[in-house]
Amino acid sequence: LPQSNEDFDIPTITVSPLPQSVCEGKAVVFAVQTNAGSWTYQWQVNDGSGWNNLFNTPPYTVTDDTLMINNATSNLDGNLYRCLVERVGCYTVTSGEAILTIEPAPNAAFNAFLTGTVLDVINVSNNATSYFWDFGDGSSSTQVMPQHNYGAEGTYILTLYAINGCDTSVSVQTVTTLLLPEAAFEIQQTAVQ
């Protein structure tokens, strides 16, 4: 057998990139771990149209065993990522695939309806997991669509906070309550002769 001092190790992936969930607009990192060696790394993305090589172009930063996505946007949601590890001219291994999930920010919105001093709201917010209402009179609620009685005429600042794990969105409206008028009259009876 021929003798040589040349190293003929082949790359082995010990840890594939893991699925990631990130808030829209934030950065996320995928990483692959391998045995020691002089390997080259090629990160790839599959957005539904097949696997394509990634390079250091926004939003991607590629540094060997690490892929960073800066400012992850909703159009990246559902993309698959993997890494090819190669001993140049010899042998290539492919990591497992990891999916990217983009969590959207909430969007607070509501419609307010007043009958006298009684407020009814229709919450039309998106992507929120919880809510906080500030009625502007010292009262608050965490219900999705609360009803509130102001009890007195006045102008109030109604604020809705729509919350999820990524962010809080705020919507504000000014409401003016009026007491319903009460009709009062008397009929004088007079005799007709």
C-alpha atoms as a PDB file:
ATOM      1  CA  LEU A   1       0.000   0.000   0.000  1.00  0.00           C
ATOM      2  CA  PRO A   2       1.214   3.466  -0.790  1.00  0.00           C
ATOM      3  CA  GLN A   3       2.260   5.455   2.240  1.00  0.00           C
ATOM      4  CA  SER A   4       1.429   9.158   2.708  1.00  0.00           C
ATOM      5  CA  ASN A   5       1.359  11.827   5.393  1.00  0.00           C
ATOM      6  CA  GLU A   6      -1.646  13.466   3.706  1.00  0.00           C
ATOM      7  CA  ASP A   7      -4.807  13.858   5.787  1.00  0.00           C
ATOM      8  CA  PHE A   8      -7.799  12.145   4.180  1.00  0.00           C
ATOM      9  CA  ASP A   9     -10.470  13.026   6.723  1.00  0.00           C
ATOM     10  CA  ILE A  10     -13.947  13.625   5.399  1.00  0.00           C
ATOM     11  CA  PRO A  11     -16.420  16.144   6.823  1.00  0.00           C
ATOM     12  CA  THR A  12     -19.073  14.906   9.209  1.00  0.00           C
ATOM     13  CA  ILE A  13     -21.992  17.055  10.358  1.00  0.00           C
ATOM     14  CA  THR A  14     -22.428  16.636  14.102  1.00  0.00           C
ATOM     15  CA  VAL A  15     -25.254  19.187  14.530  1.00  0.00           C
ATOM     16  CA  SER A  16     -27.561  20.358  11.737  1.00  0.00           C
ATOM     17  CA  PRO A  17     -29.117  23.835  11.795  1.00  0.00           C
ATOM     18  CA  LEU A  18     -32.211  24.055  13.997  1.00  0.00           C
ATOM     19  CA  PRO A  19     -35.606  25.522  13.043  1.00  0.00           C
ATOM     20  CA  GLN A  20     -35.843  29.184  14.032  1.00  0.00           C
ATOM     21  CA  SER A  21     -38.737  31.465  14.901  1.00  0.00           C
ATOM     22  CA  VAL A  22     -38.063  35.198  14.924  1.00  0.00           C
ATOM     23  CA  CYS A  23     -40.013  38.424  15.123  1.00  0.00           C
ATOM     24  CA  GLU A  24     -40.323  40.328  11.872  1.00  0.00           C
ATOM     25  CA  GLY A  25     -37.487  42.817  11.467  1.00  0.00           C
ATOM     26  CA  LYS A  26     -35.122  41.006  13.846  1.00  0.00           C
ATOM     27  CA  ALA A  27     -31.938  39.024  13.133  1.00  0.00           C
ATOM     28  CA  VAL A  28     -31.710  35.232  13.246  1.00  0.00           C
ATOM     29  CA  VAL A  29     -28.778  32.818  13.114  1.00  0.00           C
ATOM     30  CA  PHE A  30     -28.515  29.293  11.711  1.00  0.00           C
ATOM     31  CA  ALA A  31     -25.411  27.236  12.559  1.00  0.00           C
ATOM     32  CA  VAL A  32     -23.968  23.871  11.622  1.00  0.00           C
ATOM     33  CA  GLN A  33     -21.348  21.928  13.583  1.00  0.00           C
ATOM     34  CA  THR A  34     -18.834  19.538  12.047  1.00  0.00           C
ATOM     35  CA  ASN A  35     -15.795  17.528  12.954  1.00  0.00           C
ATOM     36  CA  ALA A  36     -12.479  19.401  12.725  1.00  0.00           C
ATOM     37  CA  GLY A  37     -11.012  19.820   9.271  1.00  0.00           C
ATOM     38  CA  SER A  38     -10.292  22.162   6.398  1.00  0.00           C
ATOM     39  CA  TRP A  39     -13.813  22.290   5.031  1.00  0.00           C
ATOM     40  CA  THR A  40     -15.634  24.712   2.816  1.00  0.00           C
ATOM     41  CA  TYR A  41     -19.208  25.675   3.674  1.00  0.00           C
ATOM     42  CA  GLN A  42     -21.989  26.596   1.263  1.00  0.00           C
ATOM     43  CA  TRP A  43     -25.310  27.740   2.737  1.00  0.00           C
ATOM     44  CA  GLN A  44     -28.434  27.264   0.652  1.00  0.00           C
ATOM     45  CA  VAL A  45     -32.072  28.419   0.757  1.00  0.00           C
ATOM     46  CA  ASN A  46     -35.199  26.832  -0.654  1.00  0.00           C
ATOM     47  CA  ASP A  47     -38.056  29.318  -0.986  1.00  0.00           C
ATOM     48  CA  GLY A  48     -40.237  26.793  -2.783  1.00  0.00           C
ATOM     49  CA  SER A  49     -38.421  27.030  -6.092  1.00  0.00           C
ATOM     50  CA  GLY A  50     -35.547  24.643  -5.284  1.00  0.00           C
ATOM     51  CA  TRP A  51     -32.201  24.990  -3.524  1.00  0.00           C
ATOM     52  CA  ASN A  52     -30.107  28.084  -4.282  1.00  0.00           C
ATOM     53  CA  ASN A  53     -26.654  29.037  -2.982  1.00  0.00           C
ATOM     54  CA  LEU A  54     -26.442  31.996  -0.599  1.00  0.00           C
ATOM     55  CA  PHE A  55     -23.716  34.634  -0.585  1.00  0.00           C
ATOM     56  CA  ASN A  56     -22.919  37.702   1.511  1.00  0.00           C
ATOM     57  CA  THR A  57     -25.720  39.821   0.085  1.00  0.00           C
ATOM     58  CA  PRO A  58     -28.469  41.436   2.173  1.00  0.00           C
ATOM     59  CA  PRO A  59     -30.192  40.174   4.165  1.00  0.00           C
ATOM     60  CA  TYR A  60     -27.664  37.308   4.420  1.00  0.00           C
ATOM     61  CA  THR A  61     -24.258  37.213   6.115  1.00  0.00           C
ATOM     62  CA  VAL A  62     -22.414  33.936   5.552  1.00  0.00           C
ATOM     63  CA  THR A  63     -19.368  33.023   7.662  1.00  0.00           C
ATOM     64  CA  ASP A  64     -18.414  29.371   7.174  1.00  0.00           C
ATOM     65  CA  ASP A  65     -20.498  27.406   9.679  1.00  0.00           C
ATOM     66  CA  THR A  66     -22.902  30.289  10.464  1.00  0.00           C
ATOM     67  CA  LEU A  67     -25.646  31.979   8.456  1.00  0.00           C
ATOM     68  CA  MET A  68     -27.090  35.239   9.795  1.00  0.00           C
ATOM     69  CA  ILE A  69     -30.258  36.791   8.416  1.00  0.00           C
ATOM     70  CA  ASN A  70     -30.480  40.487   9.263  1.00  0.00           C
ATOM     71  CA  ASN A  71     -33.887  42.177   9.304  1.00  0.00           C
ATOM     72  CA  ALA A  72     -35.942  39.029   8.659  1.00  0.00           C
ATOM     73  CA  THR A  73     -39.038  39.989   6.665  1.00  0.00           C
ATOM     74  CA  SER A  74     -42.334  38.191   6.123  1.00  0.00           C
ATOM     75  CA  ASN A  75     -41.338  37.117   2.592  1.00  0.00           C
ATOM     76  CA  LEU A  76     -38.746  34.775   4.206  1.00  0.00           C
ATOM     77  CA  ASP A  77     -41.414  32.984   6.257  1.00  0.00           C
ATOM     78  CA  GLY A  78     -41.390  29.245   5.521  1.00  0.00           C
ATOM     79  CA  ASN A  79     -37.997  29.239   3.778  1.00  0.00           C
ATOM     80  CA  LEU A  80     -35.806  26.186   4.338  1.00  0.00           C
ATOM     81  CA  TYR A  81     -32.061  26.498   5.002  1.00  0.00           C
ATOM     82  CA  ARG A  82     -29.244  23.937   4.870  1.00  0.00           C
ATOM     83  CA  CYS A  83     -25.473  23.830   4.602  1.00  0.00           C
ATOM     84  CA  LEU A  84     -23.212  21.839   2.280  1.00  0.00           C
ATOM     85  CA  VAL A  85     -19.868  20.968   3.894  1.00  0.00           C
ATOM     86  CA  GLU A  86     -17.109  19.883   1.536  1.00  0.00           C
ATOM     87  CA  ARG A  87     -13.576  18.688   1.505  1.00  0.00           C
ATOM     88  CA  VAL A  88     -12.664  20.425  -1.729  1.00  0.00           C
ATOM     89  CA  GLY A  89     -12.546  18.082  -4.689  1.00  0.00           C
ATOM     90  CA  CYS A  90     -13.231  15.074  -2.541  1.00  0.00           C
ATOM     91  CA  TYR A  91     -16.424  14.716  -0.548  1.00  0.00           C
ATOM     92  CA  THR A  92     -19.547  16.748   0.308  1.00  0.00           C
ATOM     93  CA  VAL A  93     -22.118  16.217   3.059  1.00  0.00           C
ATOM     94  CA  THR A  94     -25.447  18.020   3.373  1.00  0.00           C
ATOM     95  CA  SER A  95     -26.930  19.121   6.687  1.00  0.00           C
ATOM     96  CA  GLY A  96     -30.543  18.627   7.639  1.00  0.00           C
ATOM     97  CA  GLU A  97     -33.007  21.345   6.662  1.00  0.00           C
ATOM     98  CA  ALA A  98     -34.197  24.032   9.060  1.00  0.00           C
ATOM     99  CA  ILE A  99     -37.340  26.110   8.552  1.00  0.00           C
ATOM    100  CA  LEU A 100     -37.599  29.822   9.304  1.00  0.00           C
ATOM    101  CA  THR A 101     -40.838  31.107  10.827  1.00  0.00           C
ATOM    102  CA  ILE A 102     -41.418  34.866  10.898  1.00  0.00           C
ATOM    103  CA  GLU A 103     -43.690  36.048  13.702  1.00  0.00           C
ATOM    104  CA  PRO A 104     -45.594  39.183  12.642  1.00  0.00           C
ATOM    105  CA  ALA A 105     -45.923  42.243  14.830  1.00  0.00           C
ATOM    106  CA  PRO A 106     -49.400  43.031  16.173  1.00  0.00           C
ATOM    107  CA  ASN A 107     -51.561  45.752  14.662  1.00  0.00           C
ATOM    108  CA  ALA A 108     -53.994  47.453  17.066  1.00  0.00           C
ATOM    109  CA  ALA A 109     -57.276  48.726  15.636  1.00  0.00           C
ATOM    110  CA  PHE A 110     -60.843  49.119  16.886  1.00  0.00           C
ATOM    111  CA  ASN A 111     -64.190  50.788  16.267  1.00  0.00           C
ATOM    112  CA  ALA A 112     -65.929  52.538  19.146  1.00  0.00           C
ATOM    113  CA  PHE A 113     -69.691  53.038  19.526  1.00  0.00           C
ATOM    114  CA  LEU A 114     -71.310  55.188  22.217  1.00  0.00           C
ATOM    115  CA  THR A 115     -74.865  55.173  23.452  1.00  0.00           C
ATOM    116  CA  GLY A 116     -75.018  57.940  25.998  1.00  0.00           C
ATOM    117  CA  THR A 117     -72.191  57.050  28.391  1.00  0.00           C
ATOM    118  CA  VAL A 118     -72.016  53.345  27.468  1.00  0.00           C
ATOM    119  CA  LEU A 119     -69.114  52.378  25.217  1.00  0.00           C
ATOM    120  CA  ASP A 120     -69.069  49.264  23.032  1.00  0.00           C
ATOM    121  CA  VAL A 121     -65.949  48.411  21.031  1.00  0.00           C
ATOM    122  CA  ILE A 122     -65.289  46.086  18.125  1.00  0.00           C
ATOM    123  CA  ASN A 123     -61.665  44.965  18.237  1.00  0.00           C
ATOM    124  CA  VAL A 124     -60.295  44.491  14.684  1.00  0.00           C
ATOM    125  CA  SER A 125     -56.630  44.058  15.704  1.00  0.00           C
ATOM    126  CA  ASN A 126     -54.362  41.527  13.975  1.00  0.00           C
ATOM    127  CA  ASN A 127     -51.665  39.162  15.298  1.00  0.00           C
ATOM    128  CA  ALA A 128     -52.176  39.962  18.988  1.00  0.00           C
ATOM    129  CA  THR A 129     -52.260  37.400  21.787  1.00  0.00           C
ATOM    130  CA  SER A 130     -53.481  39.746  24.530  1.00  0.00           C
ATOM    131  CA  TYR A 131     -55.063  43.163  24.906  1.00  0.00           C
ATOM    132  CA  PHE A 132     -55.090  46.027  27.380  1.00  0.00           C
ATOM    133  CA  TRP A 133     -57.709  48.780  27.229  1.00  0.00           C
ATOM    134  CA  ASP A 134     -57.284  52.127  29.007  1.00  0.00           C
ATOM    135  CA  PHE A 135     -60.642  53.912  29.030  1.00  0.00           C
ATOM    136  CA  GLY A 136     -59.163  57.271  30.030  1.00  0.00           C
ATOM    137  CA  ASP A 137     -61.189  57.536  33.239  1.00  0.00           C
ATOM    138  CA  GLY A 138     -58.976  55.404  35.494  1.00  0.00           C
ATOM    139  CA  SER A 139     -60.632  52.144  34.381  1.00  0.00           C
ATOM    140  CA  SER A 140     -59.082  49.402  32.262  1.00  0.00           C
ATOM    141  CA  SER A 141     -59.800  45.929  30.877  1.00  0.00           C
ATOM    142  CA  THR A 142     -57.963  42.956  29.358  1.00  0.00           C
ATOM    143  CA  GLN A 143     -61.023  41.606  27.531  1.00  0.00           C
ATOM    144  CA  VAL A 144     -60.930  41.309  23.755  1.00  0.00           C
ATOM    145  CA  MET A 145     -64.101  43.416  23.254  1.00  0.00           C
ATOM    146  CA  PRO A 146     -65.153  45.024  26.517  1.00  0.00           C
ATOM    147  CA  GLN A 147     -68.154  47.211  27.256  1.00  0.00           C
ATOM    148  CA  HIS A 148     -67.624  50.198  29.536  1.00  0.00           C
ATOM    149  CA  ASN A 149     -69.949  52.674  31.232  1.00  0.00           C
ATOM    150  CA  TYR A 150     -68.340  56.067  31.725  1.00  0.00           C
ATOM    151  CA  GLY A 151     -71.091  57.184  34.089  1.00  0.00           C
ATOM    152  CA  ALA A 152     -70.600  60.872  33.336  1.00  0.00           C
ATOM    153  CA  GLU A 153     -70.457  63.199  30.375  1.00  0.00           C
ATOM    154  CA  GLY A 154     -66.996  64.089  29.203  1.00  0.00           C
ATOM    155  CA  THR A 155     -64.227  63.638  26.674  1.00  0.00           C
ATOM    156  CA  TYR A 156     -61.957  60.640  27.223  1.00  0.00           C
ATOM    157  CA  ILE A 157     -58.864  59.197  25.530  1.00  0.00           C
ATOM    158  CA  LEU A 158     -59.551  55.515  24.743  1.00  0.00           C
ATOM    159  CA  THR A 159     -56.350  53.496  24.201  1.00  0.00           C
ATOM    160  CA  LEU A 160     -55.958  49.894  23.022  1.00  0.00           C
ATOM    161  CA  TYR A 161     -52.667  48.025  23.431  1.00  0.00           C
ATOM    162  CA  ALA A 162     -52.468  44.914  21.208  1.00  0.00           C
ATOM    163  CA  ILE A 163     -49.646  42.665  22.433  1.00  0.00           C
ATOM    164  CA  ASN A 164     -47.760  39.583  21.247  1.00  0.00           C
ATOM    165  CA  GLY A 165     -44.322  38.100  21.938  1.00  0.00           C
ATOM    166  CA  CYS A 166     -42.736  40.401  19.356  1.00  0.00           C
ATOM    167  CA  ASP A 167     -44.122  43.840  20.051  1.00  0.00           C
ATOM    168  CA  THR A 168     -46.959  46.052  21.282  1.00  0.00           C
ATOM    169  CA  SER A 169     -49.109  48.140  18.954  1.00  0.00           C
ATOM    170  CA  VAL A 170     -51.201  51.069  20.175  1.00  0.00           C
ATOM    171  CA  SER A 171     -54.416  52.587  18.795  1.00  0.00           C
ATOM    172  CA  VAL A 172     -55.980  55.725  20.315  1.00  0.00           C
ATOM    173  CA  GLN A 173     -59.347  57.411  19.844  1.00  0.00           C
ATOM    174  CA  THR A 174     -61.014  60.318  21.590  1.00  0.00           C
ATOM    175  CA  VAL A 175     -64.576  59.637  22.722  1.00  0.00           C
ATOM    176  CA  THR A 176     -67.106  62.171  23.977  1.00  0.00           C
ATOM    177  CA  THR A 177     -69.964  60.897  26.087  1.00  0.00           C
ATOM    178  CA  LEU A 178     -73.297  62.666  26.406  1.00  0.00           C
ATOM    179  CA  LEU A 179     -76.104  61.879  28.794  1.00  0.00           C
ATOM    180  CA  LEU A 180     -79.325  61.010  27.057  1.00  0.00           C
ATOM    181  CA  PRO A 181     -81.887  63.758  27.455  1.00  0.00           C
ATOM    182  CA  GLU A 182     -84.860  63.087  29.702  1.00  0.00           C
ATOM    183  CA  ALA A 183     -88.130  64.460  28.546  1.00  0.00           C
ATOM    184  CA  ALA A 184     -90.303  65.949  31.264  1.00  0.00           C
ATOM    185  CA  PHE A 185     -93.611  67.703  30.857  1.00  0.00           C
ATOM    186  CA  GLU A 186     -96.945  68.049  32.564  1.00  0.00           C
ATOM    187  CA  ILE A 187    -100.404  68.185  31.073  1.00  0.00           C
ATOM    188  CA  GLN A 188    -102.757  70.642  32.659  1.00  0.00           C
ATOM    189  CA  GLN A 189    -106.293  69.417  32.579  1.00  0.00           C
ATOM    190  CA  THR A 190    -108.864  72.031  32.018  1.00  0.00           C
ATOM    191  CA  ALA A 191    -112.522  71.536  31.864  1.00  0.00           C
ATOM    192  CA  VAL A 192    -114.243  72.367  28.643  1.00  0.00           C
ATOM    193  CA  GLN A 193    -117.711  73.906  29.014  1.00  0.00           C
END
